[in-house]
Amino acid sequence: MVKAKVSVWAGVFPILIGILVTPLALQSASVMAISGPDALTALFPWAQAVKAAVLHLPADVSTRTSQLLMYLQFPLYGVVMAKLRERPLLLAFGAVALLHVIGAIAAILLAHMSNPSLRFY
């Protein structure tokens, strides 16, 4: 019976940490925004990727989706870590880091593809 309580706590804990980190990340994003969009890509890559002009999303859709991703990014990282709780901790952190890096690469590539002087498409 004790093991069930521990496993539930182990599954909920990363999600709670993600929820608690989100306001801190949003506050730091307001400071990082002074440096420009490249600084925000380091913190919120998925939100920046959605805002890329090459995707041809309407402005209201990309803005709302970007805002939503800013609030959900870290709790979703917590969900990924919770799903990998039976694996070694390093693997869970590595999966989240890889997911973040993939988002940053996607955001950078989409930003460069949005440059009208470059013809990638």
Protein backbone atom coordinates (compact mmCIF):
# COMPACT_ATOMS: atom_id res chain seq x y z
CA MET A 1 0.00 0.00 0.00
CA VAL A 2 2.85 2.39 0.78
CA LYS A 3 4.40 1.73 -2.61
CA ALA A 4 1.21 2.93 -4.36
CA LYS A 5 1.33 6.24 -2.47
CA VAL A 6 4.98 6.74 -3.37
CA SER A 7 4.37 6.01 -7.05
CA VAL A 8 1.45 8.46 -7.19
CA TRP A 9 3.59 11.13 -5.54
CA ALA A 10 6.45 10.37 -7.93
CA GLY A 11 4.08 10.83 -10.86
CA VAL A 12 2.55 14.08 -9.61
CA PHE A 13 5.72 15.72 -8.29
CA PRO A 14 7.32 16.59 -11.68
CA ILE A 15 4.05 18.07 -12.91
CA LEU A 16 3.76 20.21 -9.77
CA ILE A 17 7.33 21.41 -10.21
CA GLY A 18 6.51 22.34 -13.82
CA ILE A 19 3.48 24.30 -12.66
CA LEU A 20 5.51 26.10 -9.98
CA VAL A 21 8.33 26.96 -12.39
CA THR A 22 5.98 28.50 -14.97
CA PRO A 23 5.39 31.87 -13.21
CA LEU A 24 9.14 32.24 -12.65
CA ALA A 25 9.83 31.50 -16.31
CA LEU A 26 7.19 33.98 -17.42
CA GLN A 27 8.69 36.66 -15.18
CA SER A 28 12.16 36.00 -16.56
CA ALA A 29 10.72 36.10 -20.09
CA SER A 30 9.55 39.66 -19.52
CA VAL A 31 13.13 40.61 -18.63
CA MET A 32 14.59 38.58 -21.52
CA ALA A 33 12.22 40.20 -24.01
CA ILE A 34 14.32 43.35 -23.77
CA SER A 35 17.13 41.44 -25.48
CA GLY A 36 14.91 40.47 -28.41
CA PRO A 37 13.18 37.34 -29.69
CA ASP A 38 16.37 35.28 -29.80
CA ALA A 39 16.60 35.38 -26.01
CA LEU A 40 13.02 34.17 -25.72
CA THR A 41 13.81 31.26 -28.02
CA ALA A 42 16.20 29.92 -25.39
CA LEU A 43 13.46 29.91 -22.75
CA PHE A 44 10.27 29.27 -24.75
CA PRO A 45 11.29 27.63 -28.04
CA TRP A 46 7.91 26.08 -28.83
CA ALA A 47 6.12 29.38 -28.33
CA GLN A 48 8.57 31.08 -30.70
CA ALA A 49 8.26 28.30 -33.29
CA VAL A 50 4.50 28.77 -33.51
CA LYS A 51 4.95 32.48 -34.22
CA ALA A 52 7.07 31.89 -37.34
CA ALA A 53 5.75 33.67 -40.41
CA VAL A 54 6.57 30.72 -42.67
CA LEU A 55 3.73 28.76 -41.04
CA HIS A 56 1.24 31.33 -42.41
CA LEU A 57 -0.94 31.14 -39.31
CA PRO A 58 -3.36 34.03 -38.74
CA ALA A 59 -1.92 36.49 -36.22
CA ASP A 60 -4.61 35.89 -33.62
CA VAL A 61 -4.15 32.10 -33.81
CA SER A 62 -0.35 32.25 -33.55
CA THR A 63 -0.51 34.75 -30.68
CA ARG A 64 -3.03 32.72 -28.68
CA THR A 65 -1.22 29.45 -29.36
CA SER A 66 2.11 31.01 -28.43
CA GLN A 67 0.67 32.31 -25.15
CA LEU A 68 -0.85 28.91 -24.41
CA LEU A 69 2.45 27.16 -25.07
CA MET A 70 4.24 29.58 -22.74
CA TYR A 71 1.94 28.51 -19.91
CA LEU A 72 1.92 24.79 -20.78
CA GLN A 73 5.57 24.19 -21.70
CA PHE A 74 6.97 23.45 -18.24
CA PRO A 75 3.95 21.49 -16.98
CA LEU A 76 4.19 19.39 -20.17
CA TYR A 77 7.87 18.82 -19.45
CA GLY A 78 6.72 17.61 -16.02
CA VAL A 79 4.28 15.22 -17.69
CA VAL A 80 7.14 13.81 -19.81
CA MET A 81 9.25 13.32 -16.70
CA ALA A 82 6.31 11.71 -14.88
CA LYS A 83 5.82 9.28 -17.76
CA LEU A 84 9.50 8.34 -17.54
CA ARG A 85 9.52 7.97 -13.73
CA GLU A 86 10.30 4.24 -13.94
CA ARG A 87 13.43 5.04 -15.96
CA PRO A 88 16.67 6.48 -14.58
CA LEU A 89 16.42 10.15 -13.61
CA LEU A 90 19.15 11.10 -16.08
CA LEU A 91 17.09 9.64 -18.91
CA ALA A 92 14.04 11.68 -17.88
CA PHE A 93 16.07 14.90 -17.69
CA GLY A 94 17.73 14.03 -21.00
CA ALA A 95 14.37 13.49 -22.69
CA VAL A 96 13.13 16.90 -21.51
CA ALA A 97 16.38 18.56 -22.55
CA LEU A 98 16.21 16.90 -25.97
CA LEU A 99 12.61 18.03 -26.39
CA HIS A 100 13.63 21.58 -25.49
CA VAL A 101 16.60 21.56 -27.89
CA ILE A 102 14.43 20.20 -30.71
CA GLY A 103 12.01 23.07 -30.06
CA ALA A 104 14.87 25.60 -30.15
CA ILE A 105 16.20 24.17 -33.41
CA ALA A 106 12.71 24.24 -34.91
CA ALA A 107 12.20 27.84 -33.80
CA ILE A 108 15.55 28.94 -35.23
CA LEU A 109 15.00 27.13 -38.54
CA LEU A 110 11.47 28.49 -38.90
CA ALA A 111 12.70 32.01 -38.12
CA HIS A 112 15.37 31.73 -40.81
CA MET A 113 12.87 30.25 -43.26
CA SER A 114 10.63 33.26 -42.60
CA ASN A 115 13.35 35.57 -43.90
CA PRO A 116 12.15 36.76 -47.33
CA SER A 117 15.69 37.10 -48.69
CA LEU A 118 16.28 33.38 -48.17
CA ARG A 119 14.32 31.01 -50.38
CA PHE A 120 14.03 27.71 -48.54
CA TYR A 121 10.52 27.04 -49.75
